[in-house]
Amino acid sequence: MSEKKSPFDSRIPPMNSLRVFEAAARHESFVRAADELHVTHGAVSRQIKQLEESLGVDLFDRRNRAVFLTPRGKILLEACTQAMERLTEALRQVKAPTVELPLVLSCEPTIAMRWLIPRLPAFRERFPQHQIHLLTAGGPVDFARDRVDLALRRNDFNWGTHCHAEPVAPELTGPVCTPSVALAMASDLPASRKHKLLHSRTRPSAWQRWFDVGGHSPEAAGSEHFEHFYLSLQAAGAGLGMTIGSAYMVEEDLRDERLVAPFGFLPDGSEYVLLSPTPFRGDTRRMLFLDWLRHEMGRSRHGVESLIDAA
């Protein structure tokens, strides 16, 4: 059985000299080739000289400190370029595919449950190659300890200087309640027979902010406090009273007429931000998710405005 011969002719110059030639020919500059290859100008010049001597031809014309490809040099450059392209494509095909880990997103519980999760299927359908793993949490985030890539928060706390922040959307708030509660509070019933104003301990100043930005003060029969923002929204949906809601988080309730916003929504001076331990610019996945969030929250904002105008 005959041995298979190597496809490489023993007279072919060393691959390193061809690599140096390709860089020098592409730039038509020994200096720029040296910079690209991280070697000295002299090293490039020696490699080219040795290649020319082994081939017995001049590959460059050297004139006035400049170099220009000769006709034979142009032939060799075209062959080197084609060979490099084929080799690069072959390496891409045989290389083991890289597995892209999902982006881990930490999100405030209320916006996660009432806004983000219903929209994640659409994100995954549109960008199936980019997976999001969702964790719920609020306030400061330790990206390294919690193994988190991004955090969606409202800017109601100091996140320090250890992370990068990008604005997503301004917060819009307003009183929300069931239609029947709205009718009762707008009626001539004595205050003692009206419903309560509902508060949450995670947004303790929500009602005060509403009053400060010029919101209407409904007549109520006292107040009731809940531990979390989403619990106060659930209580309002159950008809226990009127609470301050985020326009984004009650969009579907308004659309389905489970809740009404009798006084509309106003910017409360805060906004939603996306936090990252590394810069957004230059990171395709982070920028894509940031742009998607901005687009979707903009759609929600316009959707709520249309519902209020039509009411």
C-alpha atoms as a PDB file:
ATOM      1  CA  MET A   1       0.000   0.000   0.000  1.00  0.00           C
ATOM      2  CA  SER A   2       1.499   3.283  -1.101  1.00  0.00           C
ATOM      3  CA  GLU A   3       1.919   6.113   1.367  1.00  0.00           C
ATOM      4  CA  LYS A   4      -0.109   9.269   0.871  1.00  0.00           C
ATOM      5  CA  LYS A   5       2.086  12.145  -0.105  1.00  0.00           C
ATOM      6  CA  SER A   6       1.900  15.490   1.640  1.00  0.00           C
ATOM      7  CA  PRO A   7      -0.021  18.110  -0.359  1.00  0.00           C
ATOM      8  CA  PHE A   8       2.671  20.617   0.559  1.00  0.00           C
ATOM      9  CA  ASP A   9       5.490  20.861  -1.947  1.00  0.00           C
ATOM     10  CA  SER A  10       8.828  20.946  -0.136  1.00  0.00           C
ATOM     11  CA  ARG A  11       9.706  23.964  -2.278  1.00  0.00           C
ATOM     12  CA  ILE A  12       6.849  26.043  -0.830  1.00  0.00           C
ATOM     13  CA  PRO A  13       8.298  28.804   1.385  1.00  0.00           C
ATOM     14  CA  PRO A  14       7.587  28.703   5.120  1.00  0.00           C
ATOM     15  CA  MET A  15       4.060  29.762   6.055  1.00  0.00           C
ATOM     16  CA  ASN A  16       5.349  32.521   8.333  1.00  0.00           C
ATOM     17  CA  SER A  17       7.146  34.249   5.470  1.00  0.00           C
ATOM     18  CA  LEU A  18       3.990  34.082   3.360  1.00  0.00           C
ATOM     19  CA  ARG A  19       2.000  35.547   6.260  1.00  0.00           C
ATOM     20  CA  VAL A  20       4.479  38.430   6.527  1.00  0.00           C
ATOM     21  CA  PHE A  21       4.356  38.938   2.763  1.00  0.00           C
ATOM     22  CA  GLU A  22       0.538  39.009   2.747  1.00  0.00           C
ATOM     23  CA  ALA A  23       0.441  41.737   5.411  1.00  0.00           C
ATOM     24  CA  ALA A  24       3.158  43.808   3.712  1.00  0.00           C
ATOM     25  CA  ALA A  25       1.542  43.410   0.292  1.00  0.00           C
ATOM     26  CA  ARG A  26      -1.922  44.254   1.572  1.00  0.00           C
ATOM     27  CA  HIS A  27      -0.670  47.475   3.195  1.00  0.00           C
ATOM     28  CA  GLU A  28       2.087  48.086   0.622  1.00  0.00           C
ATOM     29  CA  SER A  29       4.092  49.090   3.654  1.00  0.00           C
ATOM     30  CA  PHE A  30       6.656  47.201   5.701  1.00  0.00           C
ATOM     31  CA  VAL A  31       6.060  49.580   8.620  1.00  0.00           C
ATOM     32  CA  ARG A  32       2.299  48.987   8.809  1.00  0.00           C
ATOM     33  CA  ALA A  33       2.831  45.236   8.378  1.00  0.00           C
ATOM     34  CA  ALA A  34       5.263  45.302  11.309  1.00  0.00           C
ATOM     35  CA  ASP A  35       2.705  47.143  13.446  1.00  0.00           C
ATOM     36  CA  GLU A  36      -0.029  44.634  12.584  1.00  0.00           C
ATOM     37  CA  LEU A  37       2.172  41.605  13.273  1.00  0.00           C
ATOM     38  CA  HIS A  38       3.803  43.124  16.370  1.00  0.00           C
ATOM     39  CA  VAL A  39       7.338  42.680  15.037  1.00  0.00           C
ATOM     40  CA  THR A  40      10.066  45.116  14.016  1.00  0.00           C
ATOM     41  CA  HIS A  41      10.354  46.743  10.606  1.00  0.00           C
ATOM     42  CA  GLY A  42      13.677  44.970  10.199  1.00  0.00           C
ATOM     43  CA  ALA A  43      12.094  41.561  10.821  1.00  0.00           C
ATOM     44  CA  VAL A  44       9.537  42.171   8.081  1.00  0.00           C
ATOM     45  CA  SER A  45      12.213  43.349   5.676  1.00  0.00           C
ATOM     46  CA  ARG A  46      14.357  40.248   6.334  1.00  0.00           C
ATOM     47  CA  GLN A  47      11.416  37.858   5.850  1.00  0.00           C
ATOM     48  CA  ILE A  48      10.497  39.493   2.526  1.00  0.00           C
ATOM     49  CA  LYS A  49      14.112  39.428   1.354  1.00  0.00           C
ATOM     50  CA  GLN A  50      14.445  35.724   2.200  1.00  0.00           C
ATOM     51  CA  LEU A  51      11.164  34.975   0.394  1.00  0.00           C
ATOM     52  CA  GLU A  52      12.300  36.839  -2.718  1.00  0.00           C
ATOM     53  CA  GLU A  53      15.641  34.982  -2.694  1.00  0.00           C
ATOM     54  CA  SER A  54      13.921  31.596  -2.332  1.00  0.00           C
ATOM     55  CA  LEU A  55      11.617  32.384  -5.277  1.00  0.00           C
ATOM     56  CA  GLY A  56      14.316  34.063  -7.361  1.00  0.00           C
ATOM     57  CA  VAL A  57      12.110  37.104  -8.131  1.00  0.00           C
ATOM     58  CA  ASP A  58      11.413  40.579  -6.777  1.00  0.00           C
ATOM     59  CA  LEU A  59       8.002  40.875  -5.166  1.00  0.00           C
ATOM     60  CA  PHE A  60       8.287  44.596  -4.366  1.00  0.00           C
ATOM     61  CA  ASP A  61       9.727  47.628  -6.083  1.00  0.00           C
ATOM     62  CA  ARG A  62      11.496  49.755  -3.488  1.00  0.00           C
ATOM     63  CA  ARG A  63      11.445  53.434  -4.407  1.00  0.00           C
ATOM     64  CA  ASN A  64      12.012  56.507  -2.223  1.00  0.00           C
ATOM     65  CA  ARG A  65      11.334  54.728   1.087  1.00  0.00           C
ATOM     66  CA  ALA A  66       8.101  53.280  -0.373  1.00  0.00           C
ATOM     67  CA  VAL A  67       7.353  49.777  -1.649  1.00  0.00           C
ATOM     68  CA  PHE A  68       5.103  48.755  -4.524  1.00  0.00           C
ATOM     69  CA  LEU A  69       4.036  45.299  -5.621  1.00  0.00           C
ATOM     70  CA  THR A  70       5.561  43.956  -8.794  1.00  0.00           C
ATOM     71  CA  PRO A  71       3.346  42.019 -11.248  1.00  0.00           C
ATOM     72  CA  ARG A  72       4.648  38.746  -9.736  1.00  0.00           C
ATOM     73  CA  GLY A  73       3.994  40.128  -6.263  1.00  0.00           C
ATOM     74  CA  LYS A  74       0.379  40.834  -7.229  1.00  0.00           C
ATOM     75  CA  ILE A  75      -0.046  37.225  -8.392  1.00  0.00           C
ATOM     76  CA  LEU A  76       1.297  35.900  -5.110  1.00  0.00           C
ATOM     77  CA  LEU A  77      -0.870  38.313  -3.066  1.00  0.00           C
ATOM     78  CA  GLU A  78      -4.026  37.116  -4.847  1.00  0.00           C
ATOM     79  CA  ALA A  79      -3.106  33.489  -4.160  1.00  0.00           C
ATOM     80  CA  CYS A  80      -2.298  34.231  -0.490  1.00  0.00           C
ATOM     81  CA  THR A  81      -5.578  36.105  -0.056  1.00  0.00           C
ATOM     82  CA  GLN A  82      -7.619  33.242  -1.507  1.00  0.00           C
ATOM     83  CA  ALA A  83      -5.753  30.684   0.580  1.00  0.00           C
ATOM     84  CA  MET A  84      -6.268  32.706   3.797  1.00  0.00           C
ATOM     85  CA  GLU A  85      -9.980  33.097   3.089  1.00  0.00           C
ATOM     86  CA  ARG A  86     -10.422  29.363   2.443  1.00  0.00           C
ATOM     87  CA  LEU A  87      -8.424  28.482   5.537  1.00  0.00           C
ATOM     88  CA  THR A  88     -10.449  30.904   7.684  1.00  0.00           C
ATOM     89  CA  GLU A  89     -13.736  29.463   6.420  1.00  0.00           C
ATOM     90  CA  ALA A  90     -12.546  25.908   6.991  1.00  0.00           C
ATOM     91  CA  LEU A  91     -11.481  26.714  10.541  1.00  0.00           C
ATOM     92  CA  ARG A  92     -14.882  28.285  11.182  1.00  0.00           C
ATOM     93  CA  GLN A  93     -16.618  25.126  10.004  1.00  0.00           C
ATOM     94  CA  VAL A  94     -14.541  22.691  12.038  1.00  0.00           C
ATOM     95  CA  LYS A  95     -14.349  24.787  15.186  1.00  0.00           C
ATOM     96  CA  ALA A  96     -16.638  23.620  17.994  1.00  0.00           C
ATOM     97  CA  PRO A  97     -19.677  25.910  18.199  1.00  0.00           C
ATOM     98  CA  THR A  98     -19.662  28.293  21.129  1.00  0.00           C
ATOM     99  CA  VAL A  99     -22.635  28.052  23.462  1.00  0.00           C
ATOM    100  CA  GLU A 100     -24.028  31.472  24.272  1.00  0.00           C
ATOM    101  CA  LEU A 101     -25.061  31.640  27.892  1.00  0.00           C
ATOM    102  CA  PRO A 102     -28.311  33.505  28.650  1.00  0.00           C
ATOM    103  CA  LEU A 103     -28.206  37.064  29.905  1.00  0.00           C
ATOM    104  CA  VAL A 104     -29.165  37.032  33.575  1.00  0.00           C
ATOM    105  CA  LEU A 105     -31.540  39.921  34.300  1.00  0.00           C
ATOM    106  CA  SER A 106     -32.461  41.086  37.792  1.00  0.00           C
ATOM    107  CA  CYS A 107     -35.790  42.903  37.724  1.00  0.00           C
ATOM    108  CA  GLU A 108     -38.005  44.571  40.312  1.00  0.00           C
ATOM    109  CA  PRO A 109     -40.783  42.093  41.186  1.00  0.00           C
ATOM    110  CA  THR A 110     -43.801  44.222  40.258  1.00  0.00           C
ATOM    111  CA  ILE A 111     -42.596  45.237  36.809  1.00  0.00           C
ATOM    112  CA  ALA A 112     -41.370  41.683  36.227  1.00  0.00           C
ATOM    113  CA  MET A 113     -44.776  40.152  37.004  1.00  0.00           C
ATOM    114  CA  ARG A 114     -47.076  42.769  35.560  1.00  0.00           C
ATOM    115  CA  TRP A 115     -45.100  44.015  32.541  1.00  0.00           C
ATOM    116  CA  LEU A 116     -41.953  42.127  31.546  1.00  0.00           C
ATOM    117  CA  ILE A 117     -42.942  38.461  31.825  1.00  0.00           C
ATOM    118  CA  PRO A 118     -46.005  38.825  29.536  1.00  0.00           C
ATOM    119  CA  ARG A 119     -43.667  40.315  26.886  1.00  0.00           C
ATOM    120  CA  LEU A 120     -40.754  37.877  27.161  1.00  0.00           C
ATOM    121  CA  PRO A 121     -42.312  35.293  24.786  1.00  0.00           C
ATOM    122  CA  ALA A 122     -42.372  37.944  22.050  1.00  0.00           C
ATOM    123  CA  PHE A 123     -38.720  38.772  22.747  1.00  0.00           C
ATOM    124  CA  ARG A 124     -37.725  35.111  22.547  1.00  0.00           C
ATOM    125  CA  GLU A 125     -39.665  34.627  19.324  1.00  0.00           C
ATOM    126  CA  ARG A 126     -38.016  37.664  17.738  1.00  0.00           C
ATOM    127  CA  PHE A 127     -34.513  36.967  19.093  1.00  0.00           C
ATOM    128  CA  PRO A 128     -34.327  33.190  19.628  1.00  0.00           C
ATOM    129  CA  GLN A 129     -30.521  33.313  19.712  1.00  0.00           C
ATOM    130  CA  HIS A 130     -30.539  35.609  22.770  1.00  0.00           C
ATOM    131  CA  GLN A 131     -31.995  34.030  25.898  1.00  0.00           C
ATOM    132  CA  ILE A 132     -32.942  35.974  29.052  1.00  0.00           C
ATOM    133  CA  HIS A 133     -32.833  34.339  32.489  1.00  0.00           C
ATOM    134  CA  LEU A 134     -34.991  36.356  34.888  1.00  0.00           C
ATOM    135  CA  LEU A 135     -34.431  36.902  38.606  1.00  0.00           C
ATOM    136  CA  THR A 136     -36.641  39.141  40.749  1.00  0.00           C
ATOM    137  CA  ALA A 137     -35.070  41.597  43.193  1.00  0.00           C
ATOM    138  CA  GLY A 138     -35.095  45.298  43.980  1.00  0.00           C
ATOM    139  CA  GLY A 139     -32.650  47.935  45.121  1.00  0.00           C
ATOM    140  CA  PRO A 140     -28.845  47.657  44.939  1.00  0.00           C
ATOM    141  CA  VAL A 141     -27.387  44.720  43.028  1.00  0.00           C
ATOM    142  CA  ASP A 142     -24.081  42.908  43.489  1.00  0.00           C
ATOM    143  CA  PHE A 143     -23.440  41.683  39.955  1.00  0.00           C
ATOM    144  CA  ALA A 144     -20.554  39.377  40.871  1.00  0.00           C
ATOM    145  CA  ARG A 145     -22.135  37.825  43.968  1.00  0.00           C
ATOM    146  CA  ASP A 146     -25.549  37.354  42.370  1.00  0.00           C
ATOM    147  CA  ARG A 147     -24.081  36.359  38.971  1.00  0.00           C
ATOM    148  CA  VAL A 148     -26.225  38.972  37.266  1.00  0.00           C
ATOM    149  CA  ASP A 149     -25.525  40.593  33.876  1.00  0.00           C
ATOM    150  CA  LEU A 150     -28.193  43.322  33.900  1.00  0.00           C
ATOM    151  CA  ALA A 151     -30.611  44.894  36.377  1.00  0.00           C
ATOM    152  CA  LEU A 152     -33.837  46.747  35.569  1.00  0.00           C
ATOM    153  CA  ARG A 153     -34.559  49.238  38.334  1.00  0.00           C
ATOM    154  CA  ARG A 154     -36.302  52.500  39.110  1.00  0.00           C
ATOM    155  CA  ASN A 155     -33.767  55.192  39.993  1.00  0.00           C
ATOM    156  CA  ASP A 156     -34.989  55.633  43.566  1.00  0.00           C
ATOM    157  CA  PHE A 157     -31.696  54.550  45.160  1.00  0.00           C
ATOM    158  CA  ASN A 158     -27.966  55.185  44.808  1.00  0.00           C
ATOM    159  CA  TRP A 159     -26.324  52.366  42.829  1.00  0.00           C
ATOM    160  CA  GLY A 160     -22.839  53.827  43.288  1.00  0.00           C
ATOM    161  CA  THR A 161     -20.081  54.102  40.719  1.00  0.00           C
ATOM    162  CA  HIS A 162     -19.438  50.410  40.142  1.00  0.00           C
ATOM    163  CA  CYS A 163     -21.908  50.005  37.280  1.00  0.00           C
ATOM    164  CA  HIS A 164     -23.062  51.590  34.041  1.00  0.00           C
ATOM    165  CA  ALA A 165     -26.619  52.965  33.794  1.00  0.00           C
ATOM    166  CA  GLU A 166     -28.753  53.633  30.724  1.00  0.00           C
ATOM    167  CA  PRO A 167     -32.174  55.350  30.919  1.00  0.00           C
ATOM    168  CA  VAL A 168     -35.083  53.261  29.658  1.00  0.00           C
ATOM    169  CA  ALA A 169     -38.308  55.229  30.285  1.00  0.00           C
ATOM    170  CA  PRO A 170     -39.757  57.852  32.644  1.00  0.00           C
ATOM    171  CA  GLU A 171     -42.099  56.602  35.342  1.00  0.00           C
ATOM    172  CA  LEU A 172     -45.748  57.674  34.976  1.00  0.00           C
ATOM    173  CA  THR A 173     -48.070  57.237  37.933  1.00  0.00           C
ATOM    174  CA  GLY A 174     -51.686  57.908  38.804  1.00  0.00           C
ATOM    175  CA  PRO A 175     -54.531  56.700  41.041  1.00  0.00           C
ATOM    176  CA  VAL A 176     -56.163  53.478  39.858  1.00  0.00           C
ATOM    177  CA  CYS A 177     -59.140  51.497  41.109  1.00  0.00           C
ATOM    178  CA  THR A 178     -62.056  49.429  39.891  1.00  0.00           C
ATOM    179  CA  PRO A 179     -64.845  51.228  37.984  1.00  0.00           C
ATOM    180  CA  SER A 180     -67.239  50.751  40.914  1.00  0.00           C
ATOM    181  CA  VAL A 181     -64.785  52.314  43.394  1.00  0.00           C
ATOM    182  CA  ALA A 182     -64.256  55.238  41.019  1.00  0.00           C
ATOM    183  CA  LEU A 183     -68.020  55.850  40.907  1.00  0.00           C
ATOM    184  CA  ALA A 184     -68.273  55.695  44.713  1.00  0.00           C
ATOM    185  CA  MET A 185     -65.412  58.125  45.238  1.00  0.00           C
ATOM    186  CA  ALA A 186     -66.859  60.562  42.725  1.00  0.00           C
ATOM    187  CA  SER A 187     -70.325  60.423  44.322  1.00  0.00           C
ATOM    188  CA  ASP A 188     -71.836  62.588  47.020  1.00  0.00           C
ATOM    189  CA  LEU A 189     -71.437  59.879  49.649  1.00  0.00           C
ATOM    190  CA  PRO A 190     -70.013  61.033  53.000  1.00  0.00           C
ATOM    191  CA  ALA A 191     -66.263  60.564  53.317  1.00  0.00           C
ATOM    192  CA  SER A 192     -66.780  57.870  55.950  1.00  0.00           C
ATOM    193  CA  ARG A 193     -68.547  55.690  53.381  1.00  0.00           C
ATOM    194  CA  LYS A 194     -65.962  56.093  50.656  1.00  0.00           C
ATOM    195  CA  HIS A 195     -63.095  53.696  49.942  1.00  0.00           C
ATOM    196  CA  LYS A 196     -59.573  53.914  51.313  1.00  0.00           C
ATOM    197  CA  LEU A 197     -56.358  55.164  49.788  1.00  0.00           C
ATOM    198  CA  LEU A 198     -54.032  52.163  49.502  1.00  0.00           C
ATOM    199  CA  HIS A 199     -50.300  52.530  50.192  1.00  0.00           C
ATOM    200  CA  SER A 200     -47.273  50.243  49.884  1.00  0.00           C
ATOM    201  CA  ARG A 201     -44.141  50.153  52.009  1.00  0.00           C
ATOM    202  CA  THR A 202     -41.918  49.676  48.971  1.00  0.00           C
ATOM    203  CA  ARG A 203     -43.202  52.967  47.494  1.00  0.00           C
ATOM    204  CA  PRO A 204     -44.110  54.874  50.661  1.00  0.00           C
ATOM    205  CA  SER A 205     -44.079  58.322  49.022  1.00  0.00           C
ATOM    206  CA  ALA A 206     -46.151  57.403  45.953  1.00  0.00           C
ATOM    207  CA  TRP A 207     -49.253  59.337  46.997  1.00  0.00           C
ATOM    208  CA  GLN A 208     -47.209  62.334  48.163  1.00  0.00           C
ATOM    209  CA  ARG A 209     -45.354  62.443  44.862  1.00  0.00           C
ATOM    210  CA  TRP A 210     -48.693  62.394  43.064  1.00  0.00           C
ATOM    211  CA  PHE A 211     -49.919  65.351  45.106  1.00  0.00           C
ATOM    212  CA  ASP A 212     -46.612  67.210  44.630  1.00  0.00           C
ATOM    213  CA  VAL A 213     -46.784  67.030  40.822  1.00  0.00           C
ATOM    214  CA  GLY A 214     -50.316  68.437  40.850  1.00  0.00           C
ATOM    215  CA  GLY A 215     -52.409  65.316  40.993  1.00  0.00           C
ATOM    216  CA  HIS A 216     -56.024  65.376  42.143  1.00  0.00           C
ATOM    217  CA  SER A 217     -56.684  64.531  45.815  1.00  0.00           C
ATOM    218  CA  PRO A 218     -59.606  62.089  46.019  1.00  0.00           C
ATOM    219  CA  GLU A 219     -61.858  62.093  49.069  1.00  0.00           C
ATOM    220  CA  ALA A 220     -61.345  58.842  50.933  1.00  0.00           C
ATOM    221  CA  ALA A 221     -62.219  57.011  54.136  1.00  0.00           C
ATOM    222  CA  GLY A 222     -58.717  56.717  55.581  1.00  0.00           C
ATOM    223  CA  SER A 223     -55.860  54.585  54.322  1.00  0.00           C
ATOM    224  CA  GLU A 224     -54.508  51.051  54.348  1.00  0.00           C
ATOM    225  CA  HIS A 225     -50.915  49.876  53.968  1.00  0.00           C
ATOM    226  CA  PHE A 226     -49.500  46.848  52.145  1.00  0.00           C
ATOM    227  CA  GLU A 227     -46.004  45.388  52.232  1.00  0.00           C
ATOM    228  CA  HIS A 228     -45.280  45.514  48.497  1.00  0.00           C
ATOM    229  CA  PHE A 229     -46.297  47.656  45.548  1.00  0.00           C
ATOM    230  CA  TYR A 230     -47.796  44.721  43.664  1.00  0.00           C
ATOM    231  CA  LEU A 231     -49.962  43.882  46.705  1.00  0.00           C
ATOM    232  CA  SER A 232     -51.459  47.369  46.705  1.00  0.00           C
ATOM    233  CA  LEU A 233     -52.252  46.927  42.994  1.00  0.00           C
ATOM    234  CA  GLN A 234     -53.850  43.564  43.713  1.00  0.00           C
ATOM    235  CA  ALA A 235     -55.880  45.156  46.503  1.00  0.00           C
ATOM    236  CA  ALA A 236     -57.069  47.910  44.164  1.00  0.00           C
ATOM    237  CA  GLY A 237     -58.087  45.266  41.621  1.00  0.00           C
ATOM    238  CA  ALA A 238     -60.063  43.507  44.340  1.00  0.00           C
ATOM    239  CA  GLY A 239     -62.068  46.667  44.980  1.00  0.00           C
ATOM    240  CA  LEU A 240     -60.505  47.536  48.375  1.00  0.00           C
ATOM    241  CA  GLY A 241     -59.767  51.112  47.424  1.00  0.00           C
ATOM    242  CA  MET A 242     -57.649  53.368  45.242  1.00  0.00           C
ATOM    243  CA  THR A 243     -53.861  53.118  44.928  1.00  0.00           C
ATOM    244  CA  ILE A 244     -51.108  54.787  42.961  1.00  0.00           C
ATOM    245  CA  GLY A 245     -50.250  52.643  39.970  1.00  0.00           C
ATOM    246  CA  SER A 246     -47.540  52.735  37.323  1.00  0.00           C
ATOM    247  CA  ALA A 247     -48.948  53.263  33.845  1.00  0.00           C
ATOM    248  CA  TYR A 248     -46.800  50.426  32.500  1.00  0.00           C
ATOM    249  CA  MET A 249     -47.989  47.944  35.093  1.00  0.00           C
ATOM    250  CA  VAL A 250     -51.698  48.560  34.705  1.00  0.00           C
ATOM    251  CA  GLU A 251     -51.898  48.829  30.912  1.00  0.00           C
ATOM    252  CA  GLU A 252     -53.622  45.482  30.457  1.00  0.00           C
ATOM    253  CA  ASP A 253     -55.968  46.111  33.411  1.00  0.00           C
ATOM    254  CA  LEU A 254     -57.027  49.421  31.834  1.00  0.00           C
ATOM    255  CA  ARG A 255     -57.462  47.793  28.439  1.00  0.00           C
ATOM    256  CA  ASP A 256     -59.661  45.044  29.924  1.00  0.00           C
ATOM    257  CA  GLU A 257     -61.512  47.608  32.110  1.00  0.00           C
ATOM    258  CA  ARG A 258     -60.604  45.799  35.314  1.00  0.00           C
ATOM    259  CA  LEU A 259     -59.122  49.083  36.505  1.00  0.00           C
ATOM    260  CA  VAL A 260     -59.657  52.703  35.604  1.00  0.00           C
ATOM    261  CA  ALA A 261     -57.413  55.745  36.012  1.00  0.00           C
ATOM    262  CA  PRO A 262     -59.907  58.554  36.697  1.00  0.00           C
ATOM    263  CA  PHE A 263     -57.232  61.277  36.962  1.00  0.00           C
ATOM    264  CA  GLY A 264     -54.787  60.027  34.331  1.00  0.00           C
ATOM    265  CA  PHE A 265     -51.045  59.618  34.785  1.00  0.00           C
ATOM    266  CA  LEU A 266     -48.256  62.121  35.403  1.00  0.00           C
ATOM    267  CA  PRO A 267     -44.440  61.843  35.402  1.00  0.00           C
ATOM    268  CA  ASP A 268     -43.393  61.489  39.042  1.00  0.00           C
ATOM    269  CA  GLY A 269     -39.781  62.538  38.433  1.00  0.00           C
ATOM    270  CA  SER A 270     -38.278  59.049  38.547  1.00  0.00           C
ATOM    271  CA  GLU A 271     -37.362  56.768  35.668  1.00  0.00           C
ATOM    272  CA  TYR A 272     -36.520  53.179  34.862  1.00  0.00           C
ATOM    273  CA  VAL A 273     -32.872  52.411  34.168  1.00  0.00           C
ATOM    274  CA  LEU A 274     -30.941  49.371  32.997  1.00  0.00           C
ATOM    275  CA  LEU A 275     -27.781  48.727  35.012  1.00  0.00           C
ATOM    276  CA  SER A 276     -24.745  46.743  33.882  1.00  0.00           C
ATOM    277  CA  PRO A 277     -21.329  46.017  35.394  1.00  0.00           C
ATOM    278  CA  THR A 278     -19.738  46.541  31.950  1.00  0.00           C
ATOM    279  CA  PRO A 279     -20.314  49.221  29.255  1.00  0.00           C
ATOM    280  CA  PHE A 280     -23.274  48.793  26.924  1.00  0.00           C
ATOM    281  CA  ARG A 281     -21.477  50.170  23.868  1.00  0.00           C
ATOM    282  CA  GLY A 282     -19.739  47.427  21.975  1.00  0.00           C
ATOM    283  CA  ASP A 283     -21.839  44.677  23.591  1.00  0.00           C
ATOM    284  CA  THR A 284     -24.385  43.561  21.003  1.00  0.00           C
ATOM    285  CA  ARG A 285     -26.653  41.623  23.374  1.00  0.00           C
ATOM    286  CA  ARG A 286     -26.808  44.344  26.014  1.00  0.00           C
ATOM    287  CA  MET A 287     -27.549  47.030  23.424  1.00  0.00           C
ATOM    288  CA  LEU A 288     -30.183  44.858  21.740  1.00  0.00           C
ATOM    289  CA  PHE A 289     -32.009  44.220  25.017  1.00  0.00           C
ATOM    290  CA  LEU A 290     -31.749  47.899  26.018  1.00  0.00           C
ATOM    291  CA  ASP A 291     -33.218  49.024  22.665  1.00  0.00           C
ATOM    292  CA  TRP A 292     -35.987  46.429  22.942  1.00  0.00           C
ATOM    293  CA  LEU A 293     -36.902  47.603  26.467  1.00  0.00           C
ATOM    294  CA  ARG A 294     -37.035  51.231  25.344  1.00  0.00           C
ATOM    295  CA  HIS A 295     -39.212  50.330  22.374  1.00  0.00           C
ATOM    296  CA  GLU A 296     -41.630  48.191  24.395  1.00  0.00           C
ATOM    297  CA  MET A 297     -41.984  50.703  27.243  1.00  0.00           C
ATOM    298  CA  GLY A 298     -42.592  53.428  24.666  1.00  0.00           C
ATOM    299  CA  ARG A 299     -45.360  51.307  23.155  1.00  0.00           C
ATOM    300  CA  SER A 300     -46.895  50.789  26.585  1.00  0.00           C
ATOM    301  CA  ARG A 301     -46.768  54.502  27.332  1.00  0.00           C
ATOM    302  CA  HIS A 302     -48.526  55.398  24.072  1.00  0.00           C
ATOM    303  CA  GLY A 303     -51.029  52.603  24.600  1.00  0.00           C
ATOM    304  CA  VAL A 304     -52.027  53.923  28.022  1.00  0.00           C
ATOM    305  CA  GLU A 305     -52.259  57.489  26.701  1.00  0.00           C
ATOM    306  CA  SER A 306     -54.629  56.285  23.970  1.00  0.00           C
ATOM    307  CA  LEU A 307     -56.806  54.462  26.503  1.00  0.00           C
ATOM    308  CA  ILE A 308     -57.001  57.568  28.743  1.00  0.00           C
ATOM    309  CA  ASP A 309     -57.865  59.799  25.782  1.00  0.00           C
ATOM    310  CA  ALA A 310     -60.606  57.415  24.702  1.00  0.00           C
ATOM    311  CA  ALA A 311     -62.128  57.135  28.179  1.00  0.00           C
END
